[in-house]
C-alpha atoms as a PDB file:
ATOM      1  CA  UNK A   1      -4.838  16.957   2.743  1.00  0.00           C
ATOM      2  CA  UNK A   2      -4.894  17.704  -0.924  1.00  0.00           C
ATOM      3  CA  UNK A   3      -4.703  21.438  -1.601  1.00  0.00           C
ATOM      4  CA  UNK A   4      -8.002  22.704  -2.899  1.00  0.00           C
ATOM      5  CA  UNK A   5      -9.347  24.164  -5.962  1.00  0.00           C
ATOM      6  CA  UNK A   6     -12.187  26.069  -6.329  1.00  0.00           C
ATOM      7  CA  UNK A   7     -14.355  27.136  -9.115  1.00  0.00           C
ATOM      8  CA  UNK A   8     -15.471  30.803  -8.049  1.00  0.00           C
ATOM      9  CA  UNK A   9     -18.877  32.880  -9.367  1.00  0.00           C
ATOM     10  CA  UNK A  10     -19.039  34.264 -12.407  1.00  0.00           C
ATOM     11  CA  UNK A  11     -19.928  37.700 -12.802  1.00  0.00           C
ATOM     12  CA  UNK A  12     -20.952  40.390 -15.219  1.00  0.00           C
ATOM     13  CA  UNK A  13     -24.077  40.554 -17.784  1.00  0.00           C
ATOM     14  CA  UNK A  14     -26.207  37.560 -17.699  1.00  0.00           C
ATOM     15  CA  UNK A  15     -23.960  35.610 -16.008  1.00  0.00           C
ATOM     16  CA  UNK A  16     -23.835  38.067 -13.018  1.00  0.00           C
ATOM     17  CA  UNK A  17     -27.001  35.476 -11.757  1.00  0.00           C
ATOM     18  CA  UNK A  18     -25.583  32.188 -12.333  1.00  0.00           C
ATOM     19  CA  UNK A  19     -23.170  30.418  -9.950  1.00  0.00           C
ATOM     20  CA  UNK A  20     -21.095  27.570 -10.780  1.00  0.00           C
ATOM     21  CA  UNK A  21     -21.187  24.692  -7.849  1.00  0.00           C
ATOM     22  CA  UNK A  22     -18.552  25.384  -5.814  1.00  0.00           C
ATOM     23  CA  UNK A  23     -16.141  22.681  -6.188  1.00  0.00           C
ATOM     24  CA  UNK A  24     -13.520  21.241  -3.692  1.00  0.00           C
ATOM     25  CA  UNK A  25     -10.193  19.543  -5.774  1.00  0.00           C
ATOM     26  CA  UNK A  26      -9.659  15.927  -4.564  1.00  0.00           C
ATOM     27  CA  UNK A  27      -7.061  13.137  -5.078  1.00  0.00           C
ATOM     28  CA  UNK A  28      -9.978  10.843  -6.512  1.00  0.00           C
ATOM     29  CA  UNK A  29     -10.526  13.357  -9.426  1.00  0.00           C
ATOM     30  CA  UNK A  30      -6.786  11.890 -11.265  1.00  0.00           C
ATOM     31  CA  UNK A  31      -8.768   9.324 -12.090  1.00  0.00           C
ATOM     32  CA  UNK A  32     -11.438  10.769 -14.245  1.00  0.00           C
ATOM     33  CA  UNK A  33      -9.480  10.149 -17.399  1.00  0.00           C
ATOM     34  CA  UNK A  34     -11.345   7.258 -18.971  1.00  0.00           C
ATOM     35  CA  UNK A  35      -7.936   6.521 -20.344  1.00  0.00           C
ATOM     36  CA  UNK A  36      -6.972   5.979 -16.603  1.00  0.00           C
ATOM     37  CA  UNK A  37      -9.579   4.219 -14.830  1.00  0.00           C
ATOM     38  CA  UNK A  38     -10.864   1.768 -17.393  1.00  0.00           C
ATOM     39  CA  UNK A  39      -9.026  -1.025 -17.824  1.00  0.00           C
ATOM     40  CA  UNK A  40      -7.099  -0.922 -15.409  1.00  0.00           C
ATOM     41  CA  UNK A  41      -7.718  -3.552 -13.594  1.00  0.00           C
ATOM     42  CA  UNK A  42      -7.410  -6.376 -16.523  1.00  0.00           C
ATOM     43  CA  UNK A  43      -3.810  -4.036 -17.504  1.00  0.00           C
ATOM     44  CA  UNK A  44      -2.658  -5.149 -14.027  1.00  0.00           C
ATOM     45  CA  UNK A  45      -3.163  -8.978 -14.118  1.00  0.00           C
ATOM     46  CA  UNK A  46      -1.781  -8.897 -17.782  1.00  0.00           C
ATOM     47  CA  UNK A  47       1.037  -7.799 -16.490  1.00  0.00           C
ATOM     48  CA  UNK A  48       1.729  -9.084 -13.484  1.00  0.00           C
ATOM     49  CA  UNK A  49       0.696 -12.488 -15.015  1.00  0.00           C
ATOM     50  CA  UNK A  50       3.983 -11.956 -17.897  1.00  0.00           C
ATOM     51  CA  UNK A  51       6.687 -11.091 -15.004  1.00  0.00           C
ATOM     52  CA  UNK A  52       9.067 -13.789 -13.690  1.00  0.00           C
ATOM     53  CA  UNK A  53       8.624 -15.446 -11.068  1.00  0.00           C
ATOM     54  CA  UNK A  54      12.274 -14.515 -10.030  1.00  0.00           C
ATOM     55  CA  UNK A  55      13.887 -11.381  -8.173  1.00  0.00           C
ATOM     56  CA  UNK A  56      13.902  -9.568 -11.670  1.00  0.00           C
ATOM     57  CA  UNK A  57      10.172 -10.189 -12.289  1.00  0.00           C
ATOM     58  CA  UNK A  58       9.824  -8.829  -8.945  1.00  0.00           C
ATOM     59  CA  UNK A  59      11.647  -5.841  -8.380  1.00  0.00           C
ATOM     60  CA  UNK A  60      12.638  -4.882 -12.171  1.00  0.00           C
ATOM     61  CA  UNK A  61      15.920  -5.623 -10.939  1.00  0.00           C
ATOM     62  CA  UNK A  62      19.031  -3.757  -9.278  1.00  0.00           C
ATOM     63  CA  UNK A  63      16.997  -2.416  -6.203  1.00  0.00           C
ATOM     64  CA  UNK A  64      16.487  -5.659  -3.823  1.00  0.00           C
ATOM     65  CA  UNK A  65      19.536  -5.498  -1.734  1.00  0.00           C
ATOM     66  CA  UNK A  66      18.803  -2.302  -1.139  1.00  0.00           C
ATOM     67  CA  UNK A  67      15.502  -2.577  -0.334  1.00  0.00           C
ATOM     68  CA  UNK A  68      15.911  -5.136   2.188  1.00  0.00           C
ATOM     69  CA  UNK A  69      18.827  -4.282   4.069  1.00  0.00           C
ATOM     70  CA  UNK A  70      16.210  -1.054   4.671  1.00  0.00           C
ATOM     71  CA  UNK A  71      13.711  -3.107   5.556  1.00  0.00           C
ATOM     72  CA  UNK A  72      15.630  -5.440   7.607  1.00  0.00           C
ATOM     73  CA  UNK A  73      16.458  -2.685  10.025  1.00  0.00           C
ATOM     74  CA  UNK A  74      13.057  -0.925  10.153  1.00  0.00           C
ATOM     75  CA  UNK A  75      11.189  -4.456  11.100  1.00  0.00           C
ATOM     76  CA  UNK A  76      14.346  -5.210  13.743  1.00  0.00           C
ATOM     77  CA  UNK A  77      13.856  -2.061  15.305  1.00  0.00           C
ATOM     78  CA  UNK A  78       9.675  -2.403  15.593  1.00  0.00           C
ATOM     79  CA  UNK A  79      10.235  -6.199  16.668  1.00  0.00           C
ATOM     80  CA  UNK A  80      12.397  -4.729  19.953  1.00  0.00           C
ATOM     81  CA  UNK A  81       9.356  -3.990  21.805  1.00  0.00           C
ATOM     82  CA  UNK A  82       7.610  -7.127  21.333  1.00  0.00           C
ATOM     83  CA  UNK A  83       8.154 -10.364  23.430  1.00  0.00           C
ATOM     84  CA  UNK A  84      10.499 -12.139  22.442  1.00  0.00           C
ATOM     85  CA  UNK A  85      11.138  -9.350  19.778  1.00  0.00           C
ATOM     86  CA  UNK A  86       9.084 -11.976  17.591  1.00  0.00           C
ATOM     87  CA  UNK A  87       5.542 -10.734  15.923  1.00  0.00           C
ATOM     88  CA  UNK A  88       2.904 -13.302  16.358  1.00  0.00           C
ATOM     89  CA  UNK A  89       0.347 -13.890  13.354  1.00  0.00           C
ATOM     90  CA  UNK A  90       2.257 -11.673  10.631  1.00  0.00           C
ATOM     91  CA  UNK A  91       0.343 -11.371   7.098  1.00  0.00           C
ATOM     92  CA  UNK A  92       2.101 -10.522   3.979  1.00  0.00           C
ATOM     93  CA  UNK A  93      -0.344  -8.644   0.829  1.00  0.00           C
ATOM     94  CA  UNK A  94       0.791  -8.821  -2.856  1.00  0.00           C
ATOM     95  CA  UNK A  95       3.757 -11.438  -1.600  1.00  0.00           C
ATOM     96  CA  UNK A  96       4.929 -12.420  -4.806  1.00  0.00           C
ATOM     97  CA  UNK A  97       7.711 -14.792  -4.651  1.00  0.00           C
ATOM     98  CA  UNK A  98       8.387 -14.959  -1.124  1.00  0.00           C
ATOM     99  CA  UNK A  99      11.014 -11.773  -1.173  1.00  0.00           C
ATOM    100  CA  UNK A 100      10.578 -10.301   2.010  1.00  0.00           C
ATOM    101  CA  UNK A 101       9.130 -13.041   3.863  1.00  0.00           C
ATOM    102  CA  UNK A 102      12.446 -15.026   3.104  1.00  0.00           C
ATOM    103  CA  UNK A 103      14.605 -12.176   4.065  1.00  0.00           C
ATOM    104  CA  UNK A 104      12.700  -9.915   6.595  1.00  0.00           C
ATOM    105  CA  UNK A 105       9.289 -11.068   8.100  1.00  0.00           C
ATOM    106  CA  UNK A 106      10.952 -14.432   8.911  1.00  0.00           C
ATOM    107  CA  UNK A 107      12.712 -13.730  11.245  1.00  0.00           C
ATOM    108  CA  UNK A 108      10.757 -11.452  13.478  1.00  0.00           C
ATOM    109  CA  UNK A 109       7.817 -13.868  13.293  1.00  0.00           C
ATOM    110  CA  UNK A 110       5.957 -16.890  15.043  1.00  0.00           C
ATOM    111  CA  UNK A 111       4.109 -17.502  11.284  1.00  0.00           C
ATOM    112  CA  UNK A 112       3.188 -15.368   8.330  1.00  0.00           C
ATOM    113  CA  UNK A 113       0.370 -15.740   5.686  1.00  0.00           C
ATOM    114  CA  UNK A 114       1.684 -15.129   2.039  1.00  0.00           C
ATOM    115  CA  UNK A 115      -1.237 -13.765   0.209  1.00  0.00           C
ATOM    116  CA  UNK A 116      -0.426 -13.690  -3.466  1.00  0.00           C
ATOM    117  CA  UNK A 117      -2.876 -14.107  -6.991  1.00  0.00           C
ATOM    118  CA  UNK A 118      -0.016 -14.813  -8.999  1.00  0.00           C
ATOM    119  CA  UNK A 119      -0.055 -18.975  -9.205  1.00  0.00           C
ATOM    120  CA  UNK A 120       3.271 -19.430 -10.471  1.00  0.00           C
ATOM    121  CA  UNK A 121       4.768 -16.395  -7.963  1.00  0.00           C
ATOM    122  CA  UNK A 122       3.347 -18.033  -5.003  1.00  0.00           C
ATOM    123  CA  UNK A 123       4.700 -21.542  -6.119  1.00  0.00           C
ATOM    124  CA  UNK A 124       8.144 -20.554  -5.859  1.00  0.00           C
ATOM    125  CA  UNK A 125       7.552 -18.384  -2.257  1.00  0.00           C
ATOM    126  CA  UNK A 126       5.961 -22.212  -1.423  1.00  0.00           C
ATOM    127  CA  UNK A 127       9.487 -23.978  -2.722  1.00  0.00           C
ATOM    128  CA  UNK A 128      11.842 -21.507  -0.748  1.00  0.00           C
ATOM    129  CA  UNK A 129      10.020 -21.039   2.288  1.00  0.00           C
ATOM    130  CA  UNK A 130       8.679 -24.890   2.681  1.00  0.00           C
ATOM    131  CA  UNK A 131      11.734 -26.661   3.574  1.00  0.00           C
ATOM    132  CA  UNK A 132      13.759 -23.731   4.590  1.00  0.00           C
ATOM    133  CA  UNK A 133      15.268 -25.553   7.900  1.00  0.00           C
ATOM    134  CA  UNK A 134      16.777 -21.934   9.058  1.00  0.00           C
ATOM    135  CA  UNK A 135      13.215 -20.836   9.072  1.00  0.00           C
ATOM    136  CA  UNK A 136      11.818 -23.602  11.136  1.00  0.00           C
ATOM    137  CA  UNK A 137      14.720 -23.392  13.878  1.00  0.00           C
ATOM    138  CA  UNK A 138      13.326 -19.580  14.566  1.00  0.00           C
ATOM    139  CA  UNK A 139      10.176 -20.967  14.548  1.00  0.00           C
ATOM    140  CA  UNK A 140       8.384 -19.516  11.596  1.00  0.00           C
ATOM    141  CA  UNK A 141       5.462 -21.100  10.012  1.00  0.00           C
ATOM    142  CA  UNK A 142       4.565 -20.202   6.670  1.00  0.00           C
ATOM    143  CA  UNK A 143       0.942 -20.442   4.936  1.00  0.00           C
ATOM    144  CA  UNK A 144       0.121 -19.580   1.254  1.00  0.00           C
ATOM    145  CA  UNK A 145      -3.382 -18.260  -0.054  1.00  0.00           C
ATOM    146  CA  UNK A 146      -3.376 -17.826  -4.152  1.00  0.00           C
ATOM    147  CA  UNK A 147      -5.776 -14.683  -3.859  1.00  0.00           C
ATOM    148  CA  UNK A 148      -6.443 -11.105  -4.720  1.00  0.00           C
ATOM    149  CA  UNK A 149      -5.794  -9.138  -1.928  1.00  0.00           C
ATOM    150  CA  UNK A 150      -9.108  -7.411  -2.386  1.00  0.00           C
ATOM    151  CA  UNK A 151     -11.066 -10.947  -1.722  1.00  0.00           C
ATOM    152  CA  UNK A 152      -9.059 -12.191   0.617  1.00  0.00           C
ATOM    153  CA  UNK A 153     -10.831 -12.460   4.366  1.00  0.00           C
ATOM    154  CA  UNK A 154      -9.020 -11.257   7.083  1.00  0.00           C
ATOM    155  CA  UNK A 155     -10.055 -11.864  10.685  1.00  0.00           C
ATOM    156  CA  UNK A 156     -10.773  -9.152  13.004  1.00  0.00           C
ATOM    157  CA  UNK A 157      -8.058  -8.435  15.625  1.00  0.00           C
ATOM    158  CA  UNK A 158      -5.899 -10.887  14.469  1.00  0.00           C
ATOM    159  CA  UNK A 159      -2.548  -9.861  12.717  1.00  0.00           C
ATOM    160  CA  UNK A 160      -0.217  -8.020  14.721  1.00  0.00           C
ATOM    161  CA  UNK A 161       1.674  -6.759  12.077  1.00  0.00           C
ATOM    162  CA  UNK A 162       0.916  -6.425   8.470  1.00  0.00           C
ATOM    163  CA  UNK A 163       3.180  -6.076   5.361  1.00  0.00           C
ATOM    164  CA  UNK A 164       2.107  -4.181   2.445  1.00  0.00           C
ATOM    165  CA  UNK A 165       4.780  -2.812   0.123  1.00  0.00           C
ATOM    166  CA  UNK A 166       4.408  -2.336  -3.712  1.00  0.00           C
ATOM    167  CA  UNK A 167       0.897  -2.985  -3.789  1.00  0.00           C
ATOM    168  CA  UNK A 168      -1.080   0.231  -3.466  1.00  0.00           C
ATOM    169  CA  UNK A 169       1.088   1.416  -6.596  1.00  0.00           C
ATOM    170  CA  UNK A 170      -1.090  -1.061  -9.004  1.00  0.00           C
ATOM    171  CA  UNK A 171      -4.247  -0.219  -7.120  1.00  0.00           C
ATOM    172  CA  UNK A 172      -6.505   2.419  -8.025  1.00  0.00           C
ATOM    173  CA  UNK A 173      -7.302   5.251  -4.831  1.00  0.00           C
ATOM    174  CA  UNK A 174     -11.106   3.717  -4.697  1.00  0.00           C
ATOM    175  CA  UNK A 175      -9.364  -0.059  -4.611  1.00  0.00           C
ATOM    176  CA  UNK A 176      -6.384   1.037  -2.213  1.00  0.00           C
ATOM    177  CA  UNK A 177      -8.983   2.873   0.374  1.00  0.00           C
ATOM    178  CA  UNK A 178     -11.244  -0.443   0.591  1.00  0.00           C
ATOM    179  CA  UNK A 179      -8.554  -2.478   0.787  1.00  0.00           C
ATOM    180  CA  UNK A 180      -6.860  -0.449   3.764  1.00  0.00           C
ATOM    181  CA  UNK A 181     -10.303   0.398   5.428  1.00  0.00           C
ATOM    182  CA  UNK A 182     -10.325  -3.955   5.703  1.00  0.00           C
ATOM    183  CA  UNK A 183      -7.111  -3.627   7.352  1.00  0.00           C
ATOM    184  CA  UNK A 184      -8.081  -1.384  10.053  1.00  0.00           C
ATOM    185  CA  UNK A 185      -9.933  -3.596  11.860  1.00  0.00           C
ATOM    186  CA  UNK A 186      -8.178  -6.889  11.245  1.00  0.00           C
ATOM    187  CA  UNK A 187      -4.780  -5.438  13.380  1.00  0.00           C
ATOM    188  CA  UNK A 188      -4.541  -6.815  16.653  1.00  0.00           C
ATOM    189  CA  UNK A 189      -4.759  -4.141  19.358  1.00  0.00           C
ATOM    190  CA  UNK A 190      -1.357  -3.517  19.617  1.00  0.00           C
ATOM    191  CA  UNK A 191      -0.823  -4.396  16.004  1.00  0.00           C
ATOM    192  CA  UNK A 192       0.404  -2.380  13.099  1.00  0.00           C
ATOM    193  CA  UNK A 193       0.299  -2.165   9.274  1.00  0.00           C
ATOM    194  CA  UNK A 194       3.420  -1.063   7.723  1.00  0.00           C
ATOM    195  CA  UNK A 195       3.018   0.117   3.698  1.00  0.00           C
ATOM    196  CA  UNK A 196       6.320   0.824   2.019  1.00  0.00           C
ATOM    197  CA  UNK A 197       5.952   2.440  -1.967  1.00  0.00           C
ATOM    198  CA  UNK A 198       7.535   4.126  -4.379  1.00  0.00           C
ATOM    199  CA  UNK A 199       7.141   7.779  -3.899  1.00  0.00           C
ATOM    200  CA  UNK A 200       6.685  10.933  -5.710  1.00  0.00           C
ATOM    201  CA  UNK A 201       8.551  14.338  -5.059  1.00  0.00           C
ATOM    202  CA  UNK A 202       6.182  17.702  -4.191  1.00  0.00           C
ATOM    203  CA  UNK A 203       6.952  19.355  -7.548  1.00  0.00           C
ATOM    204  CA  UNK A 204       6.497  15.897  -9.683  1.00  0.00           C
ATOM    205  CA  UNK A 205       3.322  15.562  -7.783  1.00  0.00           C
ATOM    206  CA  UNK A 206       1.141  11.971  -8.453  1.00  0.00           C
ATOM    207  CA  UNK A 207       1.375  10.426 -11.934  1.00  0.00           C
ATOM    208  CA  UNK A 208       1.146   7.489 -13.510  1.00  0.00           C
ATOM    209  CA  UNK A 209       3.710   4.853 -15.114  1.00  0.00           C
ATOM    210  CA  UNK A 210       3.239   2.993 -18.203  1.00  0.00           C
ATOM    211  CA  UNK A 211       4.043  -1.151 -18.506  1.00  0.00           C
ATOM    212  CA  UNK A 212       7.848  -0.227 -19.261  1.00  0.00           C
ATOM    213  CA  UNK A 213       8.201   1.322 -15.921  1.00  0.00           C
ATOM    214  CA  UNK A 214       8.175   4.848 -17.554  1.00  0.00           C
ATOM    215  CA  UNK A 215       5.729   7.783 -17.546  1.00  0.00           C
ATOM    216  CA  UNK A 216       2.604   7.507 -18.744  1.00  0.00           C
ATOM    217  CA  UNK A 217       1.612  10.649 -20.614  1.00  0.00           C
ATOM    218  CA  UNK A 218      -1.345   8.947 -22.722  1.00  0.00           C
ATOM    219  CA  UNK A 219      -3.058  10.807 -25.520  1.00  0.00           C
ATOM    220  CA  UNK A 220      -1.249   8.662 -27.921  1.00  0.00           C
ATOM    221  CA  UNK A 221      -3.365   6.084 -28.246  1.00  0.00           C
ATOM    222  CA  UNK A 222      -2.054   3.371 -26.906  1.00  0.00           C
ATOM    223  CA  UNK A 223      -2.464   1.065 -23.856  1.00  0.00           C
ATOM    224  CA  UNK A 224      -3.168   3.105 -19.938  1.00  0.00           C
ATOM    225  CA  UNK A 225      -0.764   2.755 -17.124  1.00  0.00           C
ATOM    226  CA  UNK A 226      -0.237   0.189 -15.253  1.00  0.00           C
ATOM    227  CA  UNK A 227       1.208   1.400 -12.138  1.00  0.00           C
ATOM    228  CA  UNK A 228       0.375   4.933 -10.212  1.00  0.00           C
ATOM    229  CA  UNK A 229       3.797   6.923  -8.251  1.00  0.00           C
ATOM    230  CA  UNK A 230       1.793   8.765  -5.572  1.00  0.00           C
ATOM    231  CA  UNK A 231       3.051  11.622  -3.014  1.00  0.00           C
ATOM    232  CA  UNK A 232       3.789  11.388   0.402  1.00  0.00           C
ATOM    233  CA  UNK A 233       1.137  13.707   0.731  1.00  0.00           C
ATOM    234  CA  UNK A 234      -1.208  11.818  -1.298  1.00  0.00           C
ATOM    235  CA  UNK A 235      -1.003   8.605   1.006  1.00  0.00           C
ATOM    236  CA  UNK A 236      -0.979  10.393   3.894  1.00  0.00           C
ATOM    237  CA  UNK A 237      -4.640  11.303   2.665  1.00  0.00           C
ATOM    238  CA  UNK A 238      -5.759   8.064   2.364  1.00  0.00           C
ATOM    239  CA  UNK A 239      -4.481   6.808   5.304  1.00  0.00           C
ATOM    240  CA  UNK A 240      -6.348   9.492   6.803  1.00  0.00           C
ATOM    241  CA  UNK A 241      -9.570   9.004   4.566  1.00  0.00           C
ATOM    242  CA  UNK A 242      -8.977   4.801   5.780  1.00  0.00           C
ATOM    243  CA  UNK A 243      -8.959   5.501   9.399  1.00  0.00           C
ATOM    244  CA  UNK A 244      -5.590   5.145  10.061  1.00  0.00           C
ATOM    245  CA  UNK A 245      -2.969   7.222  11.704  1.00  0.00           C
ATOM    246  CA  UNK A 246       0.867   7.355  10.699  1.00  0.00           C
ATOM    247  CA  UNK A 247       2.624   6.921  13.699  1.00  0.00           C
ATOM    248  CA  UNK A 248       5.724   6.223  11.929  1.00  0.00           C
ATOM    249  CA  UNK A 249       7.387   7.673   8.962  1.00  0.00           C
ATOM    250  CA  UNK A 250      10.653   6.712   7.439  1.00  0.00           C
ATOM    251  CA  UNK A 251      12.191   8.198   3.900  1.00  0.00           C
ATOM    252  CA  UNK A 252      14.751   5.401   2.449  1.00  0.00           C
ATOM    253  CA  UNK A 253      16.681   7.144  -0.370  1.00  0.00           C
ATOM    254  CA  UNK A 254      19.555   6.073  -2.802  1.00  0.00           C
ATOM    255  CA  UNK A 255      22.451   8.468  -2.311  1.00  0.00           C
ATOM    256  CA  UNK A 256      23.776   7.731  -5.847  1.00  0.00           C
ATOM    257  CA  UNK A 257      20.274   8.435  -7.175  1.00  0.00           C
ATOM    258  CA  UNK A 258      19.851   5.485  -9.662  1.00  0.00           C
ATOM    259  CA  UNK A 259      16.295   3.887  -7.678  1.00  0.00           C
ATOM    260  CA  UNK A 260      13.152   5.826  -6.521  1.00  0.00           C
ATOM    261  CA  UNK A 261      13.069   7.340  -2.923  1.00  0.00           C
ATOM    262  CA  UNK A 262      10.343   4.931  -0.896  1.00  0.00           C
ATOM    263  CA  UNK A 263       8.440   6.240   2.343  1.00  0.00           C
ATOM    264  CA  UNK A 264       7.748   3.308   5.029  1.00  0.00           C
ATOM    265  CA  UNK A 265       4.455   3.927   7.098  1.00  0.00           C
ATOM    266  CA  UNK A 266       4.142   2.627  10.111  1.00  0.00           C
ATOM    267  CA  UNK A 267       0.056   3.007  10.723  1.00  0.00           C
ATOM    268  CA  UNK A 268      -2.447   2.202  13.383  1.00  0.00           C
ATOM    269  CA  UNK A 269      -6.282   2.376  13.501  1.00  0.00           C
ATOM    270  CA  UNK A 270      -7.140   5.576  14.576  1.00  0.00           C
ATOM    271  CA  UNK A 271      -9.362   5.452  17.452  1.00  0.00           C
ATOM    272  CA  UNK A 272     -11.584   8.041  16.446  1.00  0.00           C
ATOM    273  CA  UNK A 273     -12.769   6.063  13.400  1.00  0.00           C
ATOM    274  CA  UNK A 274     -13.525   2.931  15.367  1.00  0.00           C
ATOM    275  CA  UNK A 275     -16.290   4.925  17.672  1.00  0.00           C
ATOM    276  CA  UNK A 276     -19.755   4.035  16.865  1.00  0.00           C
ATOM    277  CA  UNK A 277     -22.255   7.185  16.989  1.00  0.00           C
ATOM    278  CA  UNK A 278     -23.439   6.478  20.089  1.00  0.00           C
ATOM    279  CA  UNK A 279     -20.027   6.178  21.833  1.00  0.00           C
ATOM    280  CA  UNK A 280     -18.815   9.192  20.345  1.00  0.00           C
ATOM    281  CA  UNK A 281     -21.583  11.385  21.329  1.00  0.00           C
ATOM    282  CA  UNK A 282     -21.328   9.887  25.208  1.00  0.00           C
ATOM    283  CA  UNK A 283     -20.019  12.672  27.487  1.00  0.00           C
ATOM    284  CA  UNK A 284     -21.178  15.034  25.173  1.00  0.00           C
ATOM    285  CA  UNK A 285     -22.891  18.337  27.288  1.00  0.00           C
ATOM    286  CA  UNK A 286     -26.153  20.310  24.970  1.00  0.00           C
ATOM    287  CA  UNK A 287     -25.523  23.526  23.514  1.00  0.00           C
END
């Protein structure tokens, strides 16, 4: 949970009878600045539609191979306990050009739904994956959905595995929380959600980046930020509020220090969050 910063009562003179409202600080306060919150969605749509339909456009360059190698190991480990070492229906959110589905997911899945709102990126994914004989031999099929993740319909208890990478960093806390709350009920009884994101460090705290990938500081009259780099604690707070439990957590680091740290969270629905009020009250004795 975030640190609490509370306003205290004022003291002395005429102020002695007055009390300020005691307010607990939350991560939501980061979005109070209109330079950040206003136009966030519009800036993101413009940013992603301007990116090329290639690996550099999807990742910024210089990180894909290391990223995929780490993800391959993590997903292979998670798939070991499945029948035949494979997941059934899988959801790749913010799938882009199909980079992760092609490099990782297809080797451990029966079927992948790829969701991407930029048409040219989804078309590239189709071109790469639809005719892939190696994928067909593995028994993996694909479906392509040109939609924003906020509007994609998620069937209840359907997906055995959901992959969500470099997506939440482009959503406000409110939109990220809304999405996570919709994903929870869509996870199958023995399924899981994996979130992989760039993370900040405790000393830097959560911060924002501009369209150029550099630190956004605001106040210069320029355009607002397009992404948020949250701390691990910030993400854990979102997961808790969304009714998700962190079952495992891994940190991908670059020994050379050339790329950012990335955290991989393995999440499952918190049974307590899924209980109905009547179910929660069962078995309780009156005081």
